């Protein structure tokens, strides 16, 4: 493999940052809706989420609010244990578990031995992410 000086970093540490939901996995929010047996998610979004957003709600706050209301309507307590249980069942998108270590390797090689950190920056549910299959692969 040819070594190019243009890829040499100025620092010995680099960061690669990913969103979690719909980037590394289908998503924490979707998994919780599935756990609450919300089967017609397009309808749920259209009839419950969209009106709040149109009324000026921030989308993330509206989703969280409706998730809590939906759980209450279904008689399900949104406990840390439940959230972690759902997180343990999350499935990474195909290739994620192989790609993240490969990014570290390629980045280190391209930079001449630099450290590559992989981080998640997300508005998803952190308690789910920390027990998901992605957790041991990120810093």
C-alpha atoms as a PDB file:
ATOM      1  CA  UNK A   1       0.000   0.000   0.000  1.00  0.00           C
ATOM      2  CA  UNK A   2       1.415   3.391  -1.003  1.00  0.00           C
ATOM      3  CA  UNK A   3       2.063   5.849   1.777  1.00  0.00           C
ATOM      4  CA  UNK A   4       0.939   9.384   1.082  1.00  0.00           C
ATOM      5  CA  UNK A   5       2.261  12.298   3.071  1.00  0.00           C
ATOM      6  CA  UNK A   6      -1.007  14.208   2.599  1.00  0.00           C
ATOM      7  CA  UNK A   7      -2.673  11.836   5.070  1.00  0.00           C
ATOM      8  CA  UNK A   8      -0.120  12.432   7.807  1.00  0.00           C
ATOM      9  CA  UNK A   9      -1.721  14.075  10.784  1.00  0.00           C
ATOM     10  CA  UNK A  10      -0.361  16.974  12.759  1.00  0.00           C
ATOM     11  CA  UNK A  11      -1.471  15.329  15.991  1.00  0.00           C
ATOM     12  CA  UNK A  12      -1.020  11.838  17.308  1.00  0.00           C
ATOM     13  CA  UNK A  13      -4.717  11.526  18.181  1.00  0.00           C
ATOM     14  CA  UNK A  14      -7.786  11.723  15.946  1.00  0.00           C
ATOM     15  CA  UNK A  15     -11.490  11.364  16.656  1.00  0.00           C
ATOM     16  CA  UNK A  16     -14.178   9.871  14.472  1.00  0.00           C
ATOM     17  CA  UNK A  17     -17.653  10.783  15.695  1.00  0.00           C
ATOM     18  CA  UNK A  18     -20.893   9.020  14.809  1.00  0.00           C
ATOM     19  CA  UNK A  19     -24.517   9.561  15.600  1.00  0.00           C
ATOM     20  CA  UNK A  20     -26.072   6.377  16.973  1.00  0.00           C
ATOM     21  CA  UNK A  21     -29.702   6.214  15.865  1.00  0.00           C
ATOM     22  CA  UNK A  22     -30.072   5.313  12.186  1.00  0.00           C
ATOM     23  CA  UNK A  23     -26.303   5.480  11.746  1.00  0.00           C
ATOM     24  CA  UNK A  24     -24.909   2.576  13.757  1.00  0.00           C
ATOM     25  CA  UNK A  25     -28.233   0.938  14.661  1.00  0.00           C
ATOM     26  CA  UNK A  26     -31.906   1.332  13.818  1.00  0.00           C
ATOM     27  CA  UNK A  27     -32.293   3.443  16.907  1.00  0.00           C
ATOM     28  CA  UNK A  28     -33.003   3.638  20.588  1.00  0.00           C
ATOM     29  CA  UNK A  29     -36.313   5.436  20.209  1.00  0.00           C
ATOM     30  CA  UNK A  30     -37.603   2.952  17.610  1.00  0.00           C
ATOM     31  CA  UNK A  31     -36.597   0.042  19.854  1.00  0.00           C
ATOM     32  CA  UNK A  32     -38.520   1.512  22.774  1.00  0.00           C
ATOM     33  CA  UNK A  33     -41.604   2.053  20.604  1.00  0.00           C
ATOM     34  CA  UNK A  34     -41.342  -1.565  19.494  1.00  0.00           C
ATOM     35  CA  UNK A  35     -41.094  -2.676  23.142  1.00  0.00           C
ATOM     36  CA  UNK A  36     -44.277  -0.686  23.824  1.00  0.00           C
ATOM     37  CA  UNK A  37     -46.006  -2.539  20.971  1.00  0.00           C
ATOM     38  CA  UNK A  38     -46.450   0.565  18.828  1.00  0.00           C
ATOM     39  CA  UNK A  39     -46.796  -1.377  15.589  1.00  0.00           C
ATOM     40  CA  UNK A  40     -48.040   1.358  13.261  1.00  0.00           C
ATOM     41  CA  UNK A  41     -45.196   3.821  13.774  1.00  0.00           C
ATOM     42  CA  UNK A  42     -45.980   5.921  10.665  1.00  0.00           C
ATOM     43  CA  UNK A  43     -49.495   6.486  12.020  1.00  0.00           C
ATOM     44  CA  UNK A  44     -48.126   7.181  15.519  1.00  0.00           C
ATOM     45  CA  UNK A  45     -45.766   9.789  14.056  1.00  0.00           C
ATOM     46  CA  UNK A  46     -48.478  11.325  11.863  1.00  0.00           C
ATOM     47  CA  UNK A  47     -51.232  11.463  14.486  1.00  0.00           C
ATOM     48  CA  UNK A  48     -49.290  12.054  17.684  1.00  0.00           C
ATOM     49  CA  UNK A  49     -45.816  13.406  16.941  1.00  0.00           C
ATOM     50  CA  UNK A  50     -46.474  15.655  13.961  1.00  0.00           C
ATOM     51  CA  UNK A  51     -49.123  17.805  15.752  1.00  0.00           C
ATOM     52  CA  UNK A  52     -46.701  18.551  18.600  1.00  0.00           C
ATOM     53  CA  UNK A  53     -43.930  19.531  16.191  1.00  0.00           C
ATOM     54  CA  UNK A  54     -46.360  21.709  14.237  1.00  0.00           C
ATOM     55  CA  UNK A  55     -47.319  23.303  17.550  1.00  0.00           C
ATOM     56  CA  UNK A  56     -43.688  24.331  18.080  1.00  0.00           C
ATOM     57  CA  UNK A  57     -42.277  21.448  20.108  1.00  0.00           C
ATOM     58  CA  UNK A  58     -38.663  20.437  19.598  1.00  0.00           C
ATOM     59  CA  UNK A  59     -38.761  17.019  17.912  1.00  0.00           C
ATOM     60  CA  UNK A  60     -36.573  15.252  20.479  1.00  0.00           C
ATOM     61  CA  UNK A  61     -38.566  16.637  23.407  1.00  0.00           C
ATOM     62  CA  UNK A  62     -41.836  15.769  21.668  1.00  0.00           C
ATOM     63  CA  UNK A  63     -40.657  12.189  21.070  1.00  0.00           C
ATOM     64  CA  UNK A  64     -39.579  11.796  24.692  1.00  0.00           C
ATOM     65  CA  UNK A  65     -42.833  13.275  25.981  1.00  0.00           C
ATOM     66  CA  UNK A  66     -44.919  10.993  23.775  1.00  0.00           C
ATOM     67  CA  UNK A  67     -42.809   7.970  24.656  1.00  0.00           C
ATOM     68  CA  UNK A  68     -43.549   8.582  28.344  1.00  0.00           C
ATOM     69  CA  UNK A  69     -47.269   9.104  27.635  1.00  0.00           C
ATOM     70  CA  UNK A  70     -47.434   5.989  25.458  1.00  0.00           C
ATOM     71  CA  UNK A  71     -45.756   3.913  28.165  1.00  0.00           C
ATOM     72  CA  UNK A  72     -48.183   5.265  30.750  1.00  0.00           C
ATOM     73  CA  UNK A  73     -51.173   4.479  28.487  1.00  0.00           C
ATOM     74  CA  UNK A  74     -49.916   0.919  28.100  1.00  0.00           C
ATOM     75  CA  UNK A  75     -49.212   0.505  31.813  1.00  0.00           C
ATOM     76  CA  UNK A  76     -45.464   0.095  31.299  1.00  0.00           C
ATOM     77  CA  UNK A  77     -42.982   1.764  33.642  1.00  0.00           C
ATOM     78  CA  UNK A  78     -40.034   3.298  31.784  1.00  0.00           C
ATOM     79  CA  UNK A  79     -37.427   2.183  34.283  1.00  0.00           C
ATOM     80  CA  UNK A  80     -33.675   2.106  33.865  1.00  0.00           C
ATOM     81  CA  UNK A  81     -33.882  -1.698  33.905  1.00  0.00           C
ATOM     82  CA  UNK A  82     -36.382  -1.707  31.022  1.00  0.00           C
ATOM     83  CA  UNK A  83     -34.328   0.763  28.999  1.00  0.00           C
ATOM     84  CA  UNK A  84     -31.162  -1.295  29.519  1.00  0.00           C
ATOM     85  CA  UNK A  85     -33.012  -4.514  28.638  1.00  0.00           C
ATOM     86  CA  UNK A  86     -34.132  -2.995  25.341  1.00  0.00           C
ATOM     87  CA  UNK A  87     -30.598  -1.685  24.742  1.00  0.00           C
ATOM     88  CA  UNK A  88     -29.114  -5.147  25.164  1.00  0.00           C
ATOM     89  CA  UNK A  89     -31.353  -6.311  22.332  1.00  0.00           C
ATOM     90  CA  UNK A  90     -30.287  -3.605  19.877  1.00  0.00           C
ATOM     91  CA  UNK A  91     -28.713  -4.885  16.695  1.00  0.00           C
ATOM     92  CA  UNK A  92     -26.005  -2.985  14.850  1.00  0.00           C
ATOM     93  CA  UNK A  93     -26.379  -2.343  11.163  1.00  0.00           C
ATOM     94  CA  UNK A  94     -24.496  -4.902   9.065  1.00  0.00           C
ATOM     95  CA  UNK A  95     -20.774  -4.173   8.984  1.00  0.00           C
ATOM     96  CA  UNK A  96     -20.641  -1.816  11.979  1.00  0.00           C
ATOM     97  CA  UNK A  97     -18.905  -4.276  14.292  1.00  0.00           C
ATOM     98  CA  UNK A  98     -16.221  -4.941  11.672  1.00  0.00           C
ATOM     99  CA  UNK A  99     -15.895  -1.372  10.394  1.00  0.00           C
ATOM    100  CA  UNK A 100     -15.203   0.485  13.648  1.00  0.00           C
ATOM    101  CA  UNK A 101     -12.039  -1.493  14.514  1.00  0.00           C
ATOM    102  CA  UNK A 102     -10.994  -1.241  10.859  1.00  0.00           C
ATOM    103  CA  UNK A 103     -11.336   2.559  11.026  1.00  0.00           C
ATOM    104  CA  UNK A 104      -8.976   2.570  13.990  1.00  0.00           C
ATOM    105  CA  UNK A 105      -6.462   0.455  12.110  1.00  0.00           C
ATOM    106  CA  UNK A 106      -6.607   2.432   8.871  1.00  0.00           C
ATOM    107  CA  UNK A 107      -6.443   5.772  10.685  1.00  0.00           C
ATOM    108  CA  UNK A 108      -3.445   4.681  12.728  1.00  0.00           C
ATOM    109  CA  UNK A 109      -1.692   3.405   9.607  1.00  0.00           C
ATOM    110  CA  UNK A 110      -2.470   6.491   7.517  1.00  0.00           C
ATOM    111  CA  UNK A 111      -1.300   8.855  10.253  1.00  0.00           C
ATOM    112  CA  UNK A 112       1.921   7.024  10.925  1.00  0.00           C
ATOM    113  CA  UNK A 113       0.855   5.479  14.207  1.00  0.00           C
ATOM    114  CA  UNK A 114      -1.614   7.999  15.614  1.00  0.00           C
ATOM    115  CA  UNK A 115      -4.385   6.988  17.984  1.00  0.00           C
ATOM    116  CA  UNK A 116      -7.910   6.928  16.575  1.00  0.00           C
ATOM    117  CA  UNK A 117     -10.750   7.433  19.025  1.00  0.00           C
ATOM    118  CA  UNK A 118     -14.330   6.581  18.092  1.00  0.00           C
ATOM    119  CA  UNK A 119     -17.095   8.495  19.832  1.00  0.00           C
ATOM    120  CA  UNK A 120     -20.882   8.652  19.726  1.00  0.00           C
ATOM    121  CA  UNK A 121     -22.664  11.989  19.875  1.00  0.00           C
ATOM    122  CA  UNK A 122     -26.383  11.349  20.048  1.00  0.00           C
ATOM    123  CA  UNK A 123     -29.659  12.562  21.461  1.00  0.00           C
ATOM    124  CA  UNK A 124     -30.687   8.916  21.836  1.00  0.00           C
ATOM    125  CA  UNK A 125     -30.968   7.051  25.105  1.00  0.00           C
ATOM    126  CA  UNK A 126     -27.460   6.705  26.516  1.00  0.00           C
ATOM    127  CA  UNK A 127     -28.449   3.879  28.888  1.00  0.00           C
ATOM    128  CA  UNK A 128     -29.395   1.816  25.847  1.00  0.00           C
ATOM    129  CA  UNK A 129     -26.232   2.647  23.929  1.00  0.00           C
ATOM    130  CA  UNK A 130     -23.928   1.713  26.805  1.00  0.00           C
ATOM    131  CA  UNK A 131     -25.213  -1.879  26.832  1.00  0.00           C
ATOM    132  CA  UNK A 132     -25.576  -2.291  23.062  1.00  0.00           C
ATOM    133  CA  UNK A 133     -23.137  -4.285  20.903  1.00  0.00           C
ATOM    134  CA  UNK A 134     -21.565  -0.967  19.852  1.00  0.00           C
ATOM    135  CA  UNK A 135     -20.493  -0.034  23.392  1.00  0.00           C
ATOM    136  CA  UNK A 136     -17.238  -2.029  23.525  1.00  0.00           C
ATOM    137  CA  UNK A 137     -16.233  -0.636  20.124  1.00  0.00           C
ATOM    138  CA  UNK A 138     -16.338   3.059  21.029  1.00  0.00           C
ATOM    139  CA  UNK A 139     -14.488   5.300  23.427  1.00  0.00           C
END
